[in-house]
Protein backbone atom coordinates (compact mmCIF):
# COMPACT_ATOMS: atom_id res chain seq x y z
CA MET A 1 -23.26 -61.45 209.88
CA ILE A 2 -26.19 -62.76 207.84
CA TRP A 3 -25.13 -66.39 208.30
CA ARG A 4 -25.21 -66.05 212.08
CA ARG A 5 -28.80 -64.84 211.87
CA LEU A 6 -29.68 -67.50 209.33
CA PHE A 7 -28.58 -70.23 211.71
CA GLY A 8 -30.85 -68.64 214.34
CA TYR A 9 -33.85 -68.85 212.02
CA PHE A 10 -32.97 -72.31 210.71
CA PRO A 11 -34.92 -74.42 213.25
CA ALA A 12 -38.15 -72.61 212.44
CA SER A 13 -37.57 -72.93 208.70
CA LEU A 14 -36.80 -76.64 209.07
CA ALA A 15 -39.93 -77.20 211.15
CA GLY A 16 -42.05 -75.29 208.63
CA GLY A 17 -40.65 -77.32 205.78
CA LEU A 18 -41.26 -80.63 207.53
CA ALA A 19 -44.81 -79.55 208.41
CA SER A 20 -45.55 -78.51 204.82
CA PHE A 21 -44.14 -81.71 203.36
CA GLY A 22 -45.90 -83.74 206.02
CA ALA A 23 -49.21 -82.08 205.27
CA VAL A 24 -48.97 -82.91 201.57
CA TYR A 25 -47.90 -86.48 202.35
CA ALA A 26 -50.71 -87.08 204.84
CA LEU A 27 -53.59 -85.12 203.33
CA THR A 28 -53.16 -86.45 199.79
CA ARG A 29 -53.64 -89.90 201.30
CA LEU A 30 -56.35 -89.09 203.86
CA LEU A 31 -58.46 -86.90 201.54
CA SER A 32 -59.84 -87.71 198.11
CA PRO A 33 -58.64 -85.55 195.17
CA ALA A 34 -61.91 -83.61 195.29
CA ASP A 35 -61.69 -83.03 199.06
CA TYR A 36 -58.05 -81.97 198.72
CA GLY A 37 -59.24 -79.59 196.02
CA PHE A 38 -61.85 -78.13 198.39
CA TYR A 39 -59.14 -77.73 201.04
CA ALA A 40 -56.95 -75.87 198.52
CA LEU A 41 -59.83 -73.60 197.48
CA ALA A 42 -60.68 -72.79 201.12
CA LEU A 43 -57.01 -72.14 201.88
CA THR A 44 -56.69 -69.75 198.94
CA THR A 45 -59.92 -67.96 199.89
CA MET A 46 -58.74 -67.59 203.48
CA GLY A 47 -55.40 -66.25 202.27
CA ILE A 48 -56.97 -63.64 200.02
CA VAL A 49 -59.48 -62.43 202.62
CA TYR A 50 -56.98 -62.35 205.48
CA THR A 51 -54.31 -60.64 203.43
CA LEU A 52 -56.60 -57.94 202.11
CA ALA A 53 -58.37 -57.23 205.41
CA VAL A 54 -55.70 -57.81 208.06
CA THR A 55 -52.17 -57.97 206.68
CA TRP A 56 -51.87 -54.21 206.23
CA GLY A 57 -51.86 -53.84 210.04
CA GLU A 58 -49.25 -56.57 210.45
CA ALA A 59 -47.04 -54.89 207.83
CA ALA A 60 -47.29 -51.60 209.71
CA ALA A 61 -46.49 -53.39 212.98
CA TYR A 62 -43.21 -54.53 211.43
CA ARG A 63 -42.24 -51.43 209.45
CA PHE A 64 -42.86 -48.85 212.18
CA ALA A 65 -41.48 -50.88 215.10
CA GLY A 66 -37.93 -49.63 214.64
CA GLU A 67 -39.08 -46.03 214.57
CA ALA A 68 -41.22 -46.59 217.67
CA VAL A 69 -38.26 -48.06 219.58
CA ALA A 70 -36.03 -45.13 218.61
CA LYS A 71 -38.62 -42.63 219.87
CA GLY A 72 -39.58 -44.60 222.99
CA ALA A 73 -43.13 -44.99 221.68
CA MET A 74 -43.42 -48.77 221.46
CA PRO A 75 -46.37 -49.00 223.93
CA ASP A 76 -48.40 -46.57 221.80
CA HIS A 77 -47.37 -48.42 218.65
CA ILE A 78 -48.54 -51.79 220.01
CA ARG A 79 -51.87 -50.48 221.35
CA THR A 80 -52.61 -48.74 218.06
CA VAL A 81 -51.77 -51.84 216.03
CA LEU A 82 -53.91 -54.08 218.24
CA ALA A 83 -56.94 -51.79 217.93
CA LEU A 84 -56.59 -51.60 214.16
CA LEU A 85 -56.20 -55.36 213.86
CA ALA A 86 -59.32 -55.98 215.94
CA ALA A 87 -61.37 -53.87 213.54
CA SER A 88 -59.74 -55.51 210.52
CA ALA A 89 -60.38 -59.02 211.85
CA ALA A 90 -64.07 -58.21 212.21
CA VAL A 91 -64.20 -57.23 208.53
CA ALA A 92 -62.40 -60.46 207.57
CA ILE A 93 -64.89 -62.59 209.50
CA VAL A 94 -67.84 -60.93 207.76
CA VAL A 95 -66.30 -61.54 204.34
CA MET A 96 -65.60 -65.19 205.18
CA LEU A 97 -69.23 -65.63 206.23
CA GLY A 98 -70.18 -64.26 202.82
CA ALA A 99 -67.91 -66.83 201.17
CA VAL A 100 -69.60 -69.60 203.20
CA THR A 101 -72.99 -68.41 201.95
CA ILE A 102 -71.85 -68.38 198.31
CA ALA A 103 -70.19 -71.82 198.37
CA SER A 104 -72.42 -74.58 197.04
CA ASP A 105 -70.76 -77.79 198.28
CA PRO A 106 -71.36 -78.63 201.99
CA LYS A 107 -67.75 -79.75 202.48
CA LEU A 108 -66.42 -76.48 201.07
CA LYS A 109 -68.85 -74.54 203.25
CA LEU A 110 -67.57 -76.27 206.39
CA ALA A 111 -63.93 -75.75 205.42
CA LEU A 112 -64.55 -72.03 204.83
CA ALA A 113 -66.43 -71.68 208.12
CA VAL A 114 -63.65 -73.28 210.17
CA ALA A 115 -61.02 -71.29 208.25
CA GLY A 116 -62.94 -68.13 209.18
CA ALA A 117 -62.46 -68.93 212.87
CA THR A 118 -58.71 -68.40 212.46
CA MET A 119 -59.38 -64.74 211.56
CA ILE A 120 -60.09 -64.04 215.24
CA LEU A 121 -56.83 -65.49 216.50
CA ALA A 122 -54.19 -65.11 213.80
CA PRO A 123 -53.88 -61.27 213.92
CA VAL A 124 -52.65 -61.31 217.52
CA VAL A 125 -50.08 -64.03 216.90
CA ASN A 126 -48.88 -62.61 213.58
CA SER A 127 -48.56 -59.02 214.82
CA ALA A 128 -46.52 -60.22 217.80
CA GLN A 129 -44.31 -62.17 215.38
CA GLU A 130 -43.81 -59.12 213.16
CA ILE A 131 -42.76 -57.00 216.13
CA SER A 132 -40.39 -59.73 217.29
CA ARG A 133 -38.89 -59.93 213.79
CA ALA A 134 -38.44 -56.16 213.57
CA GLN A 135 -36.65 -56.18 216.93
CA GLN A 136 -34.59 -59.20 215.77
CA ARG A 137 -35.77 -61.42 218.63
CA VAL A 138 -34.76 -64.49 216.70
CA SER A 139 -35.23 -67.05 219.47
CA ARG A 140 -38.76 -66.00 220.38
CA TRP A 141 -39.85 -65.68 216.75
CA SER A 142 -38.53 -69.16 215.98
CA THR A 143 -40.12 -70.77 219.04
CA VAL A 144 -43.59 -69.42 218.27
CA ARG A 145 -43.27 -70.31 214.60
CA ILE A 146 -42.24 -73.89 215.35
CA CYS A 147 -45.14 -74.35 217.77
CA GLN A 148 -47.59 -72.99 215.22
CA ASP A 149 -46.40 -74.99 212.20
CA VAL A 150 -45.74 -78.31 213.90
CA GLY A 151 -48.79 -78.10 216.15
CA ALA A 152 -51.18 -77.23 213.31
CA PHE A 153 -49.79 -80.03 211.14
CA ALA A 154 -49.97 -82.68 213.86
CA LEU A 155 -53.45 -81.80 215.09
CA GLY A 156 -54.87 -81.15 211.60
CA THR A 157 -53.61 -84.50 210.34
CA PHE A 158 -55.01 -86.30 213.38
CA LEU A 159 -58.41 -84.69 212.85
CA ALA A 160 -58.38 -85.61 209.15
CA TRP A 161 -57.63 -89.21 210.15
CA ARG A 162 -59.97 -89.69 213.09
CA THR A 163 -62.93 -87.41 212.33
CA GLY A 164 -65.30 -86.73 209.47
CA LEU A 165 -64.24 -83.11 209.07
CA GLY A 166 -62.65 -83.80 205.69
CA PRO A 167 -61.17 -80.65 204.10
CA ALA A 168 -62.05 -78.66 207.25
CA ALA A 169 -59.71 -80.75 209.45
CA PRO A 170 -56.46 -78.83 208.76
CA PHE A 171 -58.17 -75.54 209.57
CA ALA A 172 -59.55 -76.95 212.82
CA GLY A 173 -56.02 -77.97 213.81
CA LEU A 174 -54.66 -74.51 212.95
CA ALA A 175 -57.41 -72.73 214.87
CA SER A 176 -56.80 -74.84 217.97
CA VAL A 177 -53.06 -74.09 218.01
CA LEU A 178 -53.63 -70.39 217.31
CA ALA A 179 -56.01 -70.22 220.28
CA VAL A 180 -53.22 -71.28 222.65
CA LEU A 181 -50.60 -69.03 221.07
CA ALA A 182 -52.99 -66.05 221.01
CA VAL A 183 -53.41 -66.25 224.78
CA VAL A 184 -49.63 -66.26 225.31
CA GLU A 185 -48.80 -63.56 222.76
CA SER A 186 -51.67 -61.22 223.67
CA ALA A 187 -50.55 -61.29 227.31
CA ARG A 188 -47.01 -60.41 226.22
CA LEU A 189 -48.11 -57.58 223.94
CA TRP A 190 -50.39 -56.13 226.61
CA ARG A 191 -47.58 -56.28 229.14
CA GLU A 192 -45.07 -54.63 226.81
CA SER A 193 -47.56 -51.91 225.89
CA ARG A 194 -48.41 -50.97 229.47
CA GLY A 195 -48.98 -47.22 229.62
CA GLY A 196 -49.57 -46.93 225.91
CA ARG A 197 -52.76 -45.83 224.20
CA PHE A 198 -54.39 -45.82 220.80
CA GLN A 199 -53.17 -42.83 218.80
CA ARG A 200 -55.38 -41.65 215.99
CA ASN A 201 -52.55 -39.77 214.27
CA ARG A 202 -50.76 -43.08 213.61
CA VAL A 203 -53.64 -44.55 211.61
CA ARG A 204 -53.05 -42.64 208.39
CA PRO A 205 -49.33 -43.43 207.97
CA TYR A 206 -49.91 -47.05 208.99
CA LEU A 207 -52.73 -47.39 206.48
CA ALA A 208 -50.80 -45.55 203.77
CA TYR A 209 -47.92 -47.99 204.16
CA GLY A 210 -49.80 -51.20 204.93
CA ALA A 211 -52.74 -51.07 202.52
CA PRO A 212 -50.60 -51.17 199.35
CA VAL A 213 -48.58 -54.01 200.90
CA ALA A 214 -51.80 -55.96 201.44
CA ILE A 215 -53.01 -55.25 197.91
CA ALA A 216 -49.68 -56.32 196.43
CA LEU A 217 -49.73 -59.52 198.51
CA VAL A 218 -53.28 -60.30 197.40
CA LEU A 219 -52.17 -59.82 193.81
CA ASN A 220 -49.28 -62.17 194.52
CA ILE A 221 -51.74 -64.75 195.88
CA ALA A 222 -53.84 -64.25 192.76
CA LEU A 223 -50.73 -64.89 190.69
CA ASP A 224 -49.64 -67.77 192.92
CA ALA A 225 -52.90 -69.59 193.61
CA GLY A 226 -55.80 -67.66 192.10
CA ASP A 227 -55.72 -69.97 189.10
CA ARG A 228 -57.21 -72.67 191.34
CA PHE A 229 -60.65 -71.06 190.98
CA LEU A 230 -60.30 -71.09 187.19
CA ILE A 231 -59.10 -74.70 187.31
CA ALA A 232 -62.16 -75.60 189.40
CA TYR A 233 -64.41 -73.84 186.88
CA PHE A 234 -62.89 -75.39 183.75
CA LEU A 235 -61.61 -78.76 185.00
CA GLY A 236 -63.33 -79.50 188.36
CA PRO A 237 -62.21 -79.85 192.03
CA GLU A 238 -60.24 -83.05 191.37
CA SER A 239 -57.87 -81.15 189.08
CA VAL A 240 -57.53 -78.47 191.76
CA GLY A 241 -56.41 -81.21 194.16
CA VAL A 242 -53.78 -82.52 191.75
CA TYR A 243 -52.50 -79.02 191.00
CA ALA A 244 -52.37 -78.09 194.69
CA ALA A 245 -50.51 -81.29 195.58
CA GLY A 246 -47.74 -80.72 193.04
CA TYR A 247 -47.66 -77.02 193.85
CA GLY A 248 -47.52 -77.70 197.58
CA VAL A 249 -44.38 -79.82 197.31
CA ALA A 250 -42.44 -77.72 194.80
CA ASP A 251 -43.40 -74.15 195.63
CA LYS A 252 -43.39 -74.56 199.40
CA SER A 253 -39.94 -76.12 199.41
CA VAL A 254 -38.33 -73.26 197.50
CA GLY A 255 -40.52 -70.62 199.12
CA LEU A 256 -39.61 -71.66 202.64
CA LEU A 257 -35.90 -71.37 201.86
CA CYS A 258 -36.45 -67.91 200.37
CA ALA A 259 -38.47 -66.88 203.42
CA TRP A 260 -35.69 -68.23 205.66
CA ALA A 261 -33.10 -66.04 203.95
CA ALA A 262 -35.45 -63.04 204.05
CA ALA A 263 -36.25 -63.51 207.74
CA ALA A 264 -32.61 -62.76 208.49
CA GLY A 265 -31.89 -60.37 205.62
CA ALA A 266 -34.90 -58.03 205.55
CA PRO A 267 -34.42 -56.65 209.10
CA MET A 268 -30.74 -56.10 208.31
CA MET A 269 -31.60 -54.08 205.20
CA MET A 270 -34.20 -52.06 207.07
CA ALA A 271 -31.75 -51.30 209.90
CA ALA A 272 -29.08 -50.20 207.41
CA TRP A 273 -31.58 -47.95 205.62
CA GLU A 274 -32.87 -46.35 208.82
CA ARG A 275 -29.45 -45.79 210.41
CA GLU A 276 -27.12 -45.03 207.50
CA GLY A 277 -29.25 -44.32 204.44
CA PRO A 278 -29.70 -45.83 200.96
CA GLU A 279 -26.04 -46.44 200.15
CA ALA A 280 -25.59 -48.59 203.25
CA VAL A 281 -28.26 -50.93 201.90
CA ARG A 282 -26.17 -51.90 198.87
CA GLU A 283 -23.63 -54.05 200.72
CA VAL A 284 -26.23 -55.64 202.99
CA SER A 285 -28.49 -56.42 200.02
CA ARG A 286 -25.53 -58.02 198.25
CA GLN A 287 -25.24 -60.50 201.12
CA VAL A 288 -28.98 -61.14 201.09
CA ALA A 289 -29.23 -61.66 197.31
CA ARG A 290 -26.35 -64.06 197.01
CA THR A 291 -27.38 -65.99 200.13
CA LEU A 292 -30.95 -66.28 198.89
CA LEU A 293 -29.80 -67.74 195.58
CA LEU A 294 -27.22 -69.99 197.25
CA VAL A 295 -29.89 -71.77 199.32
CA ALA A 296 -32.93 -71.54 196.98
CA ALA A 297 -31.46 -72.27 193.54
CA PRO A 298 -30.24 -75.80 194.37
CA ALA A 299 -33.61 -76.58 195.92
CA ALA A 300 -35.42 -75.54 192.73
CA ALA A 301 -32.96 -77.45 190.52
CA GLY A 302 -33.03 -80.48 192.80
CA LEU A 303 -36.82 -80.64 192.84
CA ALA A 304 -36.91 -80.51 189.06
CA LEU A 305 -34.38 -83.35 188.87
CA VAL A 306 -36.16 -85.69 191.32
CA ALA A 307 -39.79 -84.76 190.58
CA ARG A 308 -40.85 -88.31 189.69
CA PRO A 309 -39.43 -90.23 192.68
CA LEU A 310 -40.36 -87.37 195.01
CA SER A 311 -43.98 -87.49 193.86
CA GLU A 312 -43.99 -91.28 194.36
CA VAL A 313 -42.92 -90.80 197.96
CA MET A 314 -44.83 -87.65 198.91
CA ILE A 315 -48.14 -87.69 197.03
CA GLY A 316 -51.06 -90.09 197.09
CA GLU A 317 -51.33 -92.54 194.20
CA GLU A 318 -54.40 -90.91 192.62
CA MET A 319 -52.62 -87.57 192.15
CA ARG A 320 -48.91 -88.31 191.74
CA VAL A 321 -48.52 -88.73 187.96
CA GLN A 322 -49.85 -85.32 186.98
CA ALA A 323 -48.29 -83.71 190.05
CA ALA A 324 -44.84 -84.96 188.95
CA ALA A 325 -45.26 -83.21 185.59
CA ILE A 326 -46.13 -79.95 187.35
CA MET A 327 -43.35 -79.88 189.92
CA PRO A 328 -40.28 -78.88 187.81
CA TRP A 329 -42.08 -75.85 186.41
CA ILE A 330 -43.46 -74.81 189.80
CA ALA A 331 -39.98 -75.10 191.31
CA LEU A 332 -38.79 -72.57 188.72
CA SER A 333 -41.70 -70.23 189.40
CA GLY A 334 -41.06 -70.64 193.15
CA LEU A 335 -37.49 -69.39 192.71
CA MET A 336 -38.68 -66.36 190.77
CA SER A 337 -41.46 -65.78 193.31
CA GLY A 338 -38.90 -65.89 196.12
CA PHE A 339 -36.86 -63.10 194.54
CA VAL A 340 -39.99 -61.07 193.81
CA MET A 341 -41.44 -61.40 197.32
CA HIS A 342 -38.35 -61.50 199.50
CA TYR A 343 -35.78 -59.38 197.68
CA LEU A 344 -37.11 -57.04 194.99
CA SER A 345 -40.13 -56.05 197.09
CA GLU A 346 -37.79 -54.77 199.80
CA ALA A 347 -36.86 -51.79 197.60
CA PHE A 348 -40.49 -50.63 197.66
CA ALA A 349 -40.83 -51.30 201.40
CA LEU A 350 -37.67 -49.37 202.26
CA ALA A 351 -38.68 -46.37 200.14
CA ARG A 352 -42.26 -46.61 201.44
CA ARG A 353 -43.57 -46.90 197.88
CA THR A 354 -45.66 -49.98 198.49
CA ASP A 355 -48.42 -48.33 196.46
CA LEU A 356 -46.23 -48.48 193.36
CA ARG A 357 -45.47 -52.14 194.01
CA ALA A 358 -49.20 -52.88 194.20
CA TRP A 359 -49.81 -51.25 190.81
CA LEU A 360 -46.93 -53.18 189.26
CA MET A 361 -48.09 -56.54 190.66
CA ALA A 362 -51.53 -55.95 189.13
CA ILE A 363 -50.01 -56.39 185.66
CA PRO A 364 -48.78 -60.01 186.01
CA ALA A 365 -51.83 -60.90 188.12
CA LEU A 366 -54.23 -59.81 185.39
CA ALA A 367 -52.04 -61.43 182.74
CA ASN A 368 -52.23 -64.69 184.69
CA VAL A 369 -56.04 -64.63 184.68
CA ALA A 370 -56.12 -63.95 180.95
CA MET A 371 -53.59 -66.68 180.14
CA ASN A 372 -55.42 -69.24 182.29
CA ALA A 373 -58.72 -68.43 180.64
CA VAL A 374 -57.13 -69.17 177.25
CA LEU A 375 -54.78 -72.05 178.10
CA LEU A 376 -56.87 -74.17 180.51
CA PRO A 377 -59.61 -75.07 178.00
CA TRP A 378 -56.95 -75.54 175.32
CA ILE A 379 -54.19 -77.67 176.91
CA GLY A 380 -55.62 -78.54 180.32
CA LEU A 381 -53.83 -78.36 183.68
CA MET A 382 -50.39 -77.56 182.26
CA GLY A 383 -51.86 -74.31 180.95
CA ALA A 384 -52.04 -73.01 184.52
CA VAL A 385 -48.43 -74.04 185.09
CA TYR A 386 -47.10 -72.28 181.98
CA ALA A 387 -49.10 -69.15 182.83
CA THR A 388 -47.65 -69.05 186.35
CA VAL A 389 -44.06 -69.32 185.14
CA ALA A 390 -44.52 -66.66 182.44
CA CYS A 391 -46.23 -64.20 184.77
CA TYR A 392 -43.65 -64.57 187.55
CA ALA A 393 -40.95 -63.84 184.96
CA LEU A 394 -42.88 -60.71 184.04
CA ALA A 395 -43.15 -59.69 187.72
CA LEU A 396 -39.41 -60.26 188.20
CA VAL A 397 -38.57 -57.92 185.33
CA LEU A 398 -41.08 -55.23 186.31
CA LEU A 399 -40.09 -55.01 189.97
CA GLY A 400 -36.38 -55.27 189.14
CA VAL A 401 -36.43 -52.41 186.62
CA VAL A 402 -38.60 -50.04 188.68
CA GLY A 403 -37.23 -50.97 192.11
CA ARG A 404 -33.65 -50.04 191.23
CA ARG A 405 -34.77 -46.40 191.08
CA LEU A 406 -36.03 -46.54 194.67
CA ALA A 407 -33.28 -48.40 196.54
CA PRO A 408 -29.81 -49.48 195.38
CA LEU A 409 -30.26 -53.23 195.79
CA ALA A 410 -27.22 -55.14 194.56
CA TRP A 411 -27.17 -57.76 191.80
CA PRO A 412 -24.01 -59.85 192.38
CA TRP A 413 -23.88 -61.47 188.95
CA GLY A 414 -20.53 -63.13 189.61
CA ASP A 415 -21.96 -65.02 192.59
CA PHE A 416 -25.08 -65.88 190.60
CA ALA A 417 -22.90 -67.45 187.89
CA LYS A 418 -21.00 -69.51 190.48
CA VAL A 419 -24.25 -70.80 191.99
CA ALA A 420 -25.47 -71.70 188.50
CA GLY A 421 -22.22 -73.61 187.91
CA ALA A 422 -22.66 -75.56 191.16
CA CYS A 423 -26.26 -76.39 190.18
CA ALA A 424 -25.09 -77.56 186.76
CA ALA A 425 -22.56 -79.91 188.36
CA MET A 426 -25.31 -81.29 190.60
CA ALA A 427 -27.59 -81.81 187.59
CA VAL A 428 -24.93 -83.79 185.69
CA VAL A 429 -24.39 -86.14 188.62
CA VAL A 430 -28.11 -86.68 189.27
CA MET A 431 -28.97 -87.28 185.61
CA LEU A 432 -26.26 -89.95 185.30
CA MET A 433 -27.77 -91.99 188.15
CA PRO A 434 -30.20 -94.88 187.42
CA ALA A 435 -33.97 -94.46 187.74
CA ILE A 436 -34.87 -97.24 190.20
CA GLY A 437 -38.00 -95.50 191.49
CA GLY A 438 -39.47 -94.60 194.88
CA PHE A 439 -37.63 -93.75 198.05
CA PRO A 440 -34.32 -95.48 197.17
CA GLU A 441 -33.97 -93.36 194.02
CA LEU A 442 -34.99 -90.20 195.84
CA ALA A 443 -32.57 -90.78 198.73
CA MET A 444 -29.67 -91.69 196.45
CA LYS A 445 -30.14 -88.74 194.09
CA ALA A 446 -30.84 -86.25 196.88
CA ALA A 447 -27.77 -87.28 198.89
CA LEU A 448 -25.30 -87.36 196.01
CA GLY A 449 -26.81 -84.30 194.37
CA ALA A 450 -26.60 -82.28 197.58
CA ALA A 451 -23.03 -83.43 198.22
CA THR A 452 -22.03 -82.46 194.68
CA TYR A 453 -23.63 -79.04 195.03
CA VAL A 454 -21.99 -78.32 198.38
CA MET A 455 -18.54 -79.37 197.15
CA SER A 456 -18.94 -77.36 193.95
CA ALA A 457 -20.16 -74.29 195.83
CA LEU A 458 -17.20 -74.48 198.20
CA LEU A 459 -14.76 -75.03 195.36
CA LEU A 460 -16.12 -72.02 193.47
CA ASP A 461 -16.68 -70.05 196.69
CA ALA A 462 -20.21 -69.35 195.44
CA ALA A 463 -21.86 -66.53 197.41
CA GLY A 464 -19.04 -66.62 199.95
CA ALA A 465 -19.83 -70.21 200.94
CA ARG A 466 -16.22 -70.97 201.84
CA GLY A 467 -15.93 -67.97 204.17
CA ALA A 468 -19.27 -68.77 205.80
CA LEU A 469 -18.15 -72.34 206.51
CA GLN A 470 -14.83 -71.15 207.93
CA GLY A 471 -16.59 -68.61 210.15
CA PHE A 472 -19.02 -71.24 211.43
CA ALA A 473 -16.15 -73.62 212.21
CA ALA A 474 -14.24 -70.86 213.99
CA ARG A 475 -17.23 -70.05 216.21
CA LYS A 476 -17.64 -73.72 217.11
CA LEU A 477 -13.98 -73.94 218.07
CA ARG A 478 -14.21 -70.84 220.25
CA ARG A 479 -17.22 -72.27 222.07
CA ALA A 480 -15.41 -75.58 222.55
């Protein structure tokens, strides 16, 4: 069941991955390390402001969509969400203007100003996407996502190449694409909500559910990328650029695979919870957990194994040496982050205890700030890396221990061991291959490593890989 949905979400995940890799490849060559650092700081600021001000409404749009469909109240649900998001976007714009005022460098000011323009458009597109995901409209969700990711990458890169916008160019590309998508999606939402109206009585439950989600996500951003502000303070914007380049390759790769698995798995878990209760979630969550590890673990291990040739191919010459040292550790933290964000957090969402999740995420977030403040002046850029890994391990333990009391999420240790065995076989093969450098080394190690992992996973039947392959082949034969 989950594999059928995963194949539906695969084109969007592939497009997002290519766009993310492409952005790192292009921008680390088109922008100086300092400008890339300003871009990373503006991106992090935009993420924090948007998440805190707006994301709570998007979370409510997703979580309460199933209930609204069951009660025939979807028009009221959409109109209420749109009104709340309009107010939230206004708050986000004001905060971004404040950030522009505080920033001292003109290039950072411009990047923040252009990033603020996306606050007007993104809520409409994202809320429509959340409703589509809740209703499991896989094709529409994927189409919009592909247009957004590929369009923003292509236009942002072109603007960075042909204009003097510098670190503001990627945000200008994103805002332009969002403007087109917002027109299309707002027309659809208005049409589907015909006859509905804003309902004041929905505000409190939406806020009670969504606000803790937003706070927890902001804390996750603080854990994930908040150290960039401390790096800028202690080491300067050039170091932020190097850190963001290595982080962008390693974390995005693993994170996109985790998000891909969650895009299919989370709605399945929510449907099982709503229709059959907590016990029904156990079997569905077992499929989600083992699938998530099956696709994300080899990516993390593979990135660690090919960090040097990958950095030579993907990252500009001025930043690649330090970025290569960062990537193996960030790949590990990305795997832990994927389980925290896309699996363990589901227990709190299902039980509607997002407030508890927010409190728990505050602990590793604060620990990350403290560790960075100590380690950055002491050992430099790697201090931020070690702090990130340690604090994501802490988050994994905290949410795992507490979340098991809220929802019976499965931990299929046998499948985890088989995936680890397949990754170990891949590592042996890759480490025995010669280091010839650049793209030839990367292509050779990636191809043989992936082939070894796939064969090992099928041989061990890790996470039901053999059955999934047989089911896929059977469906192809039926269609033929």
